[in-house]
Protein backbone atom coordinates (compact mmCIF):
# COMPACT_ATOMS: atom_id res chain seq x y z
CA MET A 1 52.36 41.86 22.62
CA THR A 2 52.68 41.32 26.35
CA TYR A 3 49.66 41.33 28.64
CA PRO A 4 49.86 42.59 32.26
CA LYS A 5 49.92 39.80 34.89
CA ASN A 6 46.46 40.68 36.32
CA GLU A 7 45.03 40.64 32.77
CA MET A 8 46.54 37.25 32.06
CA GLU A 9 45.10 35.93 35.30
CA THR A 10 41.68 37.29 34.37
CA ILE A 11 41.81 35.49 31.05
CA PHE A 12 43.19 32.38 32.70
CA ASN A 13 40.43 32.29 35.35
CA GLY A 14 37.77 33.24 32.84
CA ILE A 15 38.17 30.04 30.88
CA LYS A 16 35.48 27.48 31.75
CA ASP A 17 37.63 24.45 31.04
CA PHE A 18 39.78 23.23 33.95
CA ILE A 19 43.44 24.26 33.51
CA LEU A 20 46.47 23.17 35.42
CA ILE A 21 50.15 23.93 34.95
CA ILE A 22 52.20 21.01 36.15
CA SER A 23 55.98 20.79 36.64
CA PRO A 24 58.07 17.86 35.30
CA GLU A 25 58.10 16.57 38.89
CA ARG A 26 54.29 16.30 38.86
CA GLU A 27 53.78 19.30 41.16
CA ILE A 28 50.85 21.67 40.45
CA GLN A 29 52.15 25.14 39.84
CA MET A 30 48.96 26.98 38.71
CA VAL A 31 45.24 26.18 38.48
CA ASN A 32 42.32 28.32 37.31
CA ASP A 33 39.14 29.09 39.19
CA ALA A 34 37.02 26.73 37.18
CA PHE A 35 39.12 23.79 38.41
CA LEU A 36 38.92 24.86 42.08
CA LYS A 37 35.19 25.42 41.85
CA HIS A 38 34.60 22.01 40.23
CA MET A 39 36.78 20.12 42.64
CA LYS A 40 35.73 22.24 45.63
CA TYR A 41 39.30 22.90 46.68
CA ALA A 42 40.98 26.05 47.97
CA ARG A 43 43.98 27.25 45.98
CA LYS A 44 46.30 26.64 48.97
CA ASP A 45 45.16 22.97 49.05
CA VAL A 46 46.38 22.41 45.50
CA ILE A 47 49.39 24.51 44.70
CA GLY A 48 52.72 22.67 45.36
CA ARG A 49 51.04 19.29 45.76
CA LYS A 50 51.61 16.26 43.44
CA CYS A 51 48.82 16.00 40.85
CA TYR A 52 48.21 12.32 41.68
CA GLU A 53 47.62 13.27 45.31
CA VAL A 54 44.95 15.73 44.30
CA PHE A 55 43.14 13.31 41.96
CA GLN A 56 41.72 10.20 43.52
CA GLU A 57 41.08 7.95 40.59
CA VAL A 58 38.47 5.23 40.61
CA THR A 59 40.58 2.54 38.83
CA ARG A 60 43.85 2.96 40.67
CA LYS A 61 45.21 4.13 44.07
CA SER A 62 46.77 7.52 44.49
CA SER A 63 50.15 5.85 45.27
CA ASN A 64 50.56 4.43 41.71
CA CYS A 65 48.63 7.16 39.82
CA HIS A 66 51.93 8.62 38.49
CA LYS A 67 52.88 5.25 36.95
CA ASN A 68 49.81 5.30 34.67
CA CYS A 69 49.54 9.07 34.23
CA PRO A 70 48.93 10.38 30.67
CA LEU A 71 51.94 12.62 31.22
CA GLU A 72 54.11 9.50 30.49
CA ASP A 73 52.52 9.27 27.04
CA VAL A 74 53.44 12.89 26.40
CA ILE A 75 57.07 12.26 27.40
CA ARG A 76 57.26 8.97 25.51
CA ASN A 77 55.66 10.20 22.28
CA LYS A 78 56.98 13.84 22.53
CA ARG A 79 53.61 15.21 21.54
CA HIS A 80 50.32 16.13 23.19
CA CYS A 81 47.77 13.47 24.11
CA GLN A 82 44.04 13.31 24.81
CA VAL A 83 42.32 10.78 27.02
CA GLU A 84 39.15 10.19 28.98
CA LEU A 85 39.55 9.58 32.71
CA THR A 86 37.18 8.62 35.46
CA ARG A 87 37.94 10.41 38.71
CA LEU A 88 36.20 10.60 42.12
CA GLY A 89 34.94 14.12 42.99
CA SER A 90 34.86 15.53 46.46
CA ASP A 91 31.36 13.96 46.92
CA GLY A 92 32.81 10.51 46.26
CA LYS A 93 30.88 10.11 42.97
CA PRO A 94 32.70 9.34 39.74
CA ASN A 95 33.26 12.23 37.36
CA TYR A 96 34.11 11.62 33.72
CA THR A 97 36.77 14.01 32.36
CA GLU A 98 38.14 14.62 28.86
CA LEU A 99 41.74 15.60 29.37
CA THR A 100 44.38 17.03 26.96
CA ILE A 101 48.00 17.59 27.97
CA PHE A 102 50.31 19.84 26.09
CA PRO A 103 54.12 19.82 26.73
CA ILE A 104 56.07 23.09 26.94
CA TRP A 105 59.66 22.72 25.83
CA GLU A 106 62.81 24.44 27.01
CA GLN A 107 65.40 25.53 24.43
CA LYS A 108 67.62 22.55 25.28
CA GLY A 109 64.86 20.11 24.42
CA LYS A 110 63.68 19.39 27.90
CA ILE A 111 60.08 19.69 29.08
CA GLU A 112 59.72 22.82 31.14
CA LYS A 113 56.12 22.20 32.17
CA PHE A 114 52.81 20.56 31.21
CA ILE A 115 49.62 22.37 30.51
CA GLU A 116 46.61 20.23 31.33
CA VAL A 117 43.27 21.27 29.91
CA SER A 118 40.29 19.19 30.91
CA ARG A 119 36.50 19.43 30.92
CA ASP A 120 33.83 17.60 32.78
CA ILE A 121 31.88 15.32 30.41
CA THR A 122 29.87 13.54 33.19
CA GLN A 123 26.56 14.90 31.96
CA ARG A 124 27.39 14.05 28.38
CA LYS A 125 28.16 10.48 29.47
CA VAL A 126 24.91 10.28 31.40
CA ASN A 127 23.03 11.63 28.33
CA GLU A 128 24.79 9.07 26.11
CA THR A 129 23.81 6.31 28.53
CA GLN A 130 20.22 7.55 28.60
CA ASN A 131 20.21 7.78 24.84
CA GLN A 132 21.65 4.31 24.44
CA ALA A 133 18.99 2.98 26.80
CA TYR A 134 16.27 4.85 24.85
CA LEU A 135 17.57 3.59 21.55
CA LEU A 136 17.79 0.06 22.87
CA LYS A 137 14.16 0.29 24.04
CA MET A 138 13.18 1.64 20.59
CA VAL A 139 15.07 -1.16 18.85
CA GLU A 140 13.38 -3.79 21.05
CA GLU A 141 9.93 -2.19 20.43
CA ARG A 142 10.63 -1.98 16.69
CA THR A 143 11.80 -5.63 16.65
CA ARG A 144 8.60 -6.66 18.43
CA GLN A 145 6.51 -4.74 15.87
CA LEU A 146 8.49 -6.31 12.96
CA LYS A 147 7.98 -9.78 14.46
CA GLU A 148 4.24 -9.20 14.76
CA SER A 149 4.09 -7.86 11.20
CA HIS A 150 6.11 -10.87 9.98
CA GLU A 151 3.66 -13.24 11.67
CA ARG A 152 0.66 -11.37 10.18
CA LEU A 153 2.30 -11.53 6.72
CA LEU A 154 2.85 -15.23 6.99
CA HIS A 155 -0.72 -15.78 8.07
CA GLN A 156 -2.06 -13.49 5.36
CA ASP A 157 -0.11 -15.53 2.74
CA LYS A 158 -1.45 -18.77 4.19
CA MET A 159 -5.01 -17.44 3.99
CA SER A 160 -4.36 -16.47 0.31
CA SER A 161 -3.17 -20.06 -0.40
CA LEU A 162 -6.13 -21.47 1.53
CA GLY A 163 -8.54 -19.42 -0.53
CA LYS A 164 -7.09 -20.94 -3.74
CA LEU A 165 -7.63 -24.39 -2.25
CA ALA A 166 -11.16 -23.79 -0.98
CA SER A 167 -13.15 -24.39 -4.17
CA SER A 168 -10.94 -27.35 -5.08
CA VAL A 169 -11.26 -28.97 -1.72
CA VAL A 170 -15.00 -28.57 -1.78
CA HIS A 171 -15.07 -30.91 -4.81
CA GLU A 172 -12.51 -33.18 -3.16
CA ILE A 173 -14.79 -33.55 -0.13
CA ASN A 174 -18.03 -33.70 -2.06
CA ASN A 175 -16.92 -36.71 -4.12
CA PRO A 176 -16.32 -39.12 -1.19
CA VAL A 177 -19.41 -37.69 0.68
CA ALA A 178 -21.56 -38.47 -2.35
CA GLY A 179 -19.98 -41.94 -2.54
CA VAL A 180 -20.57 -42.60 1.20
CA LEU A 181 -24.25 -41.45 0.77
CA ASN A 182 -24.78 -43.88 -2.12
CA LEU A 183 -23.24 -46.72 -0.14
CA VAL A 184 -25.46 -45.93 2.91
CA MET A 185 -28.58 -46.03 0.64
CA LEU A 186 -27.45 -49.37 -0.89
CA SER A 187 -26.79 -50.76 2.64
CA LYS A 188 -30.27 -49.71 3.84
CA ARG A 189 -31.83 -51.44 0.81
CA ILE A 190 -30.07 -54.68 1.66
CA LEU A 191 -31.09 -54.45 5.29
CA LYS A 192 -34.76 -54.03 4.25
CA GLU A 193 -34.76 -57.48 2.68
CA ASP A 194 -36.38 -60.26 4.72
CA GLN A 195 -33.45 -62.64 4.22
CA ILE A 196 -29.80 -61.72 3.55
CA ASN A 197 -27.68 -64.26 1.88
CA GLN A 198 -23.90 -64.58 2.22
CA GLU A 199 -23.19 -62.79 -1.07
CA GLU A 200 -25.28 -59.79 0.05
CA LEU A 201 -23.67 -59.82 3.47
CA ASN A 202 -20.21 -59.79 1.81
CA GLN A 203 -21.32 -56.89 -0.36
CA PHE A 204 -22.64 -55.11 2.75
CA LEU A 205 -19.23 -55.50 4.49
CA GLN A 206 -17.55 -54.25 1.40
CA TYR A 207 -19.73 -51.17 1.44
CA LEU A 208 -18.79 -50.58 5.05
CA ASP A 209 -15.09 -50.85 4.26
CA LEU A 210 -15.47 -48.36 1.42
CA MET A 211 -17.43 -45.93 3.66
CA GLU A 212 -14.68 -46.19 6.27
CA THR A 213 -11.93 -45.52 3.72
CA GLU A 214 -13.79 -42.47 2.22
CA THR A 215 -14.62 -41.13 5.68
CA ARG A 216 -10.99 -41.33 6.76
CA ARG A 217 -10.04 -39.59 3.54
CA ILE A 218 -12.37 -36.71 4.28
CA SER A 219 -10.99 -36.52 7.80
CA ARG A 220 -7.41 -36.30 6.56
CA ILE A 221 -8.31 -33.52 4.14
CA VAL A 222 -10.12 -31.45 6.80
CA SER A 223 -7.36 -32.08 9.32
CA ASN A 224 -4.68 -30.92 6.90
CA LEU A 225 -6.67 -27.83 6.05
CA LEU A 226 -7.16 -26.95 9.74
CA VAL A 227 -3.43 -27.45 10.51
CA PHE A 228 -2.39 -25.37 7.53
CA SER A 229 -4.90 -22.51 8.23
CA ARG A 230 -4.14 -22.05 11.94
CA GLN A 231 -2.06 -19.02 13.01
CA SER A 232 0.49 -20.93 15.11
CA LYS A 233 3.60 -19.77 16.82
CA ILE A 234 6.98 -20.92 15.45
CA GLU A 235 7.81 -24.33 16.87
CA VAL A 236 11.23 -25.73 15.98
CA ILE A 237 11.08 -29.53 15.63
CA LYS A 238 12.78 -32.27 13.53
CA PHE A 239 10.47 -33.50 10.71
CA ASP A 240 10.40 -35.70 7.59
CA LEU A 241 10.46 -33.52 4.48
CA ASN A 242 9.03 -36.33 2.37
CA GLU A 243 6.00 -36.76 4.60
CA LEU A 244 5.47 -32.96 4.57
CA ILE A 245 5.50 -33.01 0.71
CA ASP A 246 2.99 -35.86 0.66
CA GLN A 247 0.69 -33.84 2.92
CA THR A 248 0.99 -30.82 0.69
CA LEU A 249 0.30 -32.82 -2.46
CA MET A 250 -2.80 -34.31 -0.84
CA LEU A 251 -4.08 -30.80 -0.08
CA ASN A 252 -3.49 -29.88 -3.75
CA SER A 253 -4.62 -33.20 -5.19
CA ASN A 254 -7.89 -31.92 -6.66
CA LEU A 255 -6.27 -28.71 -7.93
CA LEU A 256 -3.65 -30.87 -9.70
CA LYS A 257 -6.44 -33.11 -11.06
CA ILE A 258 -8.54 -30.16 -12.31
CA ASN A 259 -5.56 -28.69 -14.09
CA ARG A 260 -4.54 -32.03 -15.47
CA VAL A 261 -1.05 -31.76 -14.02
CA ARG A 262 1.03 -35.00 -13.88
CA VAL A 263 3.05 -35.23 -10.70
CA ILE A 264 6.41 -37.04 -10.71
CA GLU A 265 7.79 -37.73 -7.20
CA ALA A 266 11.47 -38.48 -7.05
CA LEU A 267 11.80 -38.54 -3.23
CA GLU A 268 14.89 -40.17 -1.80
CA HIS A 269 14.04 -42.85 0.67
CA ASN A 270 15.16 -42.66 4.34
CA LEU A 271 15.99 -39.04 4.28
CA PRO A 272 17.47 -37.66 7.50
CA LEU A 273 15.13 -35.37 9.47
CA VAL A 274 15.56 -31.64 9.07
CA SER A 275 15.20 -28.98 11.80
CA GLY A 276 12.90 -26.05 11.61
CA SER A 277 9.26 -24.99 11.62
CA GLU A 278 7.26 -27.72 9.88
CA ASP A 279 4.31 -25.36 9.51
CA GLN A 280 6.46 -22.75 7.69
CA ILE A 281 8.21 -25.20 5.40
CA LYS A 282 4.76 -26.61 4.45
CA GLN A 283 3.83 -23.06 3.57
CA VAL A 284 6.96 -22.87 1.35
CA CYS A 285 6.00 -26.10 -0.46
CA MET A 286 2.37 -24.90 -0.80
CA ASN A 287 3.50 -21.64 -2.44
CA LEU A 288 5.96 -23.21 -4.75
CA ILE A 289 3.59 -25.96 -5.90
CA SER A 290 0.73 -23.45 -6.27
CA ASN A 291 2.90 -21.18 -8.42
CA ALA A 292 4.05 -24.15 -10.55
CA ILE A 293 0.44 -25.17 -11.23
CA GLU A 294 -0.49 -21.65 -12.23
CA SER A 295 2.50 -21.28 -14.50
CA MET A 296 1.41 -24.34 -16.46
CA ALA A 297 -2.05 -23.00 -17.27
CA GLY A 298 -2.72 -23.26 -20.95
CA ARG A 299 0.31 -25.49 -21.56
CA GLU A 300 -0.10 -28.70 -23.48
CA LYS A 301 2.52 -30.58 -21.48
CA LYS A 302 1.88 -30.19 -17.69
CA ARG A 303 4.41 -32.02 -15.58
CA LEU A 304 5.36 -31.17 -12.00
CA THR A 305 8.50 -32.90 -10.75
CA ILE A 306 9.37 -32.84 -7.01
CA LYS A 307 12.75 -34.12 -5.92
CA THR A 308 14.34 -34.57 -2.49
CA PHE A 309 17.93 -35.76 -1.94
CA ARG A 310 20.78 -35.70 0.50
CA LYS A 311 23.52 -33.11 0.34
CA ASN A 312 26.06 -34.93 2.46
CA LYS A 313 28.91 -32.45 2.15
CA GLU A 314 26.70 -29.75 3.51
CA ASN A 315 24.82 -31.89 6.07
CA ALA A 316 21.69 -30.68 4.36
CA ILE A 317 18.65 -31.83 2.38
CA GLY A 318 17.87 -30.58 -1.08
CA LEU A 319 14.41 -29.96 -2.47
CA GLU A 320 13.70 -29.21 -6.12
CA ILE A 321 10.29 -28.24 -7.58
CA ILE A 322 10.36 -28.26 -11.40
CA ASP A 323 7.48 -27.33 -13.72
CA THR A 324 6.99 -27.23 -17.53
CA GLY A 325 5.30 -23.83 -17.41
CA MET A 326 5.86 -20.61 -19.29
CA GLY A 327 9.12 -19.87 -17.45
CA ILE A 328 10.37 -16.56 -16.15
CA PRO A 329 12.08 -13.90 -18.31
CA ASN A 330 15.74 -13.26 -17.27
CA LYS A 331 15.14 -9.56 -16.56
CA ILE A 332 12.43 -10.44 -14.02
CA ILE A 333 14.26 -13.17 -12.14
CA PRO A 334 16.21 -10.66 -9.81
CA LYS A 335 12.82 -9.22 -8.67
CA ILE A 336 10.70 -12.31 -8.06
CA PHE A 337 11.53 -12.50 -4.35
CA ASP A 338 10.76 -8.80 -3.78
CA PRO A 339 7.54 -8.20 -1.69
CA PHE A 340 4.49 -7.24 -3.70
CA PHE A 341 6.17 -7.93 -6.99
CA THR A 342 3.85 -9.85 -9.30
CA THR A 343 3.34 -10.57 -12.97
CA LYS A 344 -0.12 -11.91 -12.46
CA LYS A 345 -3.16 -10.12 -13.69
CA ARG A 346 -5.02 -7.78 -11.33
CA GLY A 347 -6.95 -9.68 -8.67
CA LYS A 348 -4.88 -12.88 -9.20
CA GLY A 349 -2.23 -12.22 -6.60
CA VAL A 350 -0.49 -9.50 -4.51
CA GLY A 351 3.09 -10.76 -4.89
CA LEU A 352 3.61 -12.12 -1.38
CA GLY A 353 4.12 -15.80 -2.05
CA LEU A 354 7.78 -15.92 -3.20
CA SER A 355 8.89 -13.13 -0.80
CA VAL A 356 7.44 -15.24 1.97
CA VAL A 357 9.23 -18.32 0.61
CA TYR A 358 12.55 -16.40 0.56
CA GLY A 359 12.05 -15.02 4.10
CA ILE A 360 11.23 -18.40 5.58
CA ILE A 361 14.17 -20.17 4.01
CA LYS A 362 16.60 -17.44 4.96
CA GLU A 363 15.23 -17.46 8.49
CA HIS A 364 16.05 -21.20 8.55
CA GLY A 365 19.59 -20.45 7.54
CA GLY A 366 18.95 -22.17 4.19
CA SER A 367 18.99 -21.01 0.58
CA VAL A 368 16.62 -20.80 -2.39
CA TYR A 369 17.54 -20.39 -6.01
CA VAL A 370 15.67 -20.28 -9.24
CA ASP A 371 16.64 -21.45 -12.79
CA SER A 372 14.25 -20.74 -15.64
CA VAL A 373 14.11 -21.01 -19.42
CA PRO A 374 11.35 -18.96 -20.90
CA GLY A 375 8.87 -21.24 -22.72
CA LYS A 376 10.28 -24.40 -21.18
CA GLY A 377 9.84 -24.22 -17.41
CA THR A 378 11.28 -23.24 -14.02
CA ARG A 379 13.21 -25.01 -11.30
CA PHE A 380 13.23 -23.84 -7.68
CA SER A 381 16.07 -25.30 -5.61
CA VAL A 382 15.86 -25.19 -1.82
CA THR A 383 18.53 -26.20 0.67
CA LEU A 384 17.46 -27.03 4.24
CA TYR A 385 19.99 -27.98 6.95
CA ARG A 386 19.58 -30.88 9.31
CA GLU A 387 20.57 -28.59 12.18
CA LEU A 388 19.62 -24.98 12.51
CA GLY A 389 22.37 -22.36 12.64
CA PRO A 390 23.64 -19.24 10.80
CA ARG A 391 25.40 -20.06 7.55
CA ASP A 392 26.69 -17.65 4.86
CA GLY A 393 25.14 -14.71 6.60
CA GLY A 394 21.83 -16.50 7.19
CA ASN A 395 19.88 -16.14 10.41
CA THR A 396 18.98 -18.76 12.95
CA LEU A 397 15.34 -19.56 13.51
CA LEU A 398 14.82 -19.39 17.24
CA ASP A 399 12.38 -21.37 19.16
CA PRO A 400 10.16 -18.76 20.95
CA ARG A 401 9.94 -21.11 23.95
CA SER A 402 13.67 -20.92 24.60
């Protein structure tokens, strides 16, 4: 069916996309009204001119436009092509265009003309840019919220551990306080005597030495509790893992004594320092030791073994915490690091401890594994690197000051 010329022109000019018919010599033969309106050209200013003279492209001069024109792709590949171009409009501002070129072939296999169909996607690009900026802002806001939630979670877990220590530490402090009080009373009795012989003076000095020792012990316990309880920002430093373990054991000393747990320390001497947050790694040790003590409740043989050792091939330090508790059933092991998963009785825990351990170690780029034999005990193996950095998909713990 053949349409009259004026009817074809009506259809041609009624299309909102921009349409050009271009000769093999790059001369514009026909354009529709949408193109002229968009480019703010009169028809006489376009027809018969080279296409690369009409389009002033941002990334290349009009003199070499024909060398990079998508028409070359059509000729080379012998099929239509679609590209996105950035062109300057009549107002000098860049316009983004989605352009498709179709070749029209003669019977002898030569290209008779090109039909170029394009549409202005400037507003779409602007919207995409705005959406990307909005999404970026949302991601940054969400990241900030997650960071705050993570910090609250860490502090909440520390407060839970601190609560477990509270009653134990009260006894730990009361004992030396009572001892100091008795020594003070004995010293006052000696001072009331009219004459003090050398033996009593030596005894008096001995009392003073004991009081000093016990007072310093109280001070260390209180200081460690204050350090552990504070809600501090992450500070990346190099620290001695053995010293950190000694501090953690001192905090738990009375808890270990009450539960009659024998501690075996197999700490390798002269360990290299590790990098990370000393406060957070102390929290890891606190949680693992606390869990080990609880797991041995009711057991006849209560032995807690703590090992540290070099892992030279990995430039890392290994930490193992081994108990002789009830062990963990195999079907539960895959879930133990999940937040809020707990096997404890109601009111005994909310299941944050091991998830916090896992999060801290992964944030340090390290690893934590568990091996357990039900009825015999559990071994937690932690790897910490001497230098922070992403490994095996792990993250890097960043110093917030940097």
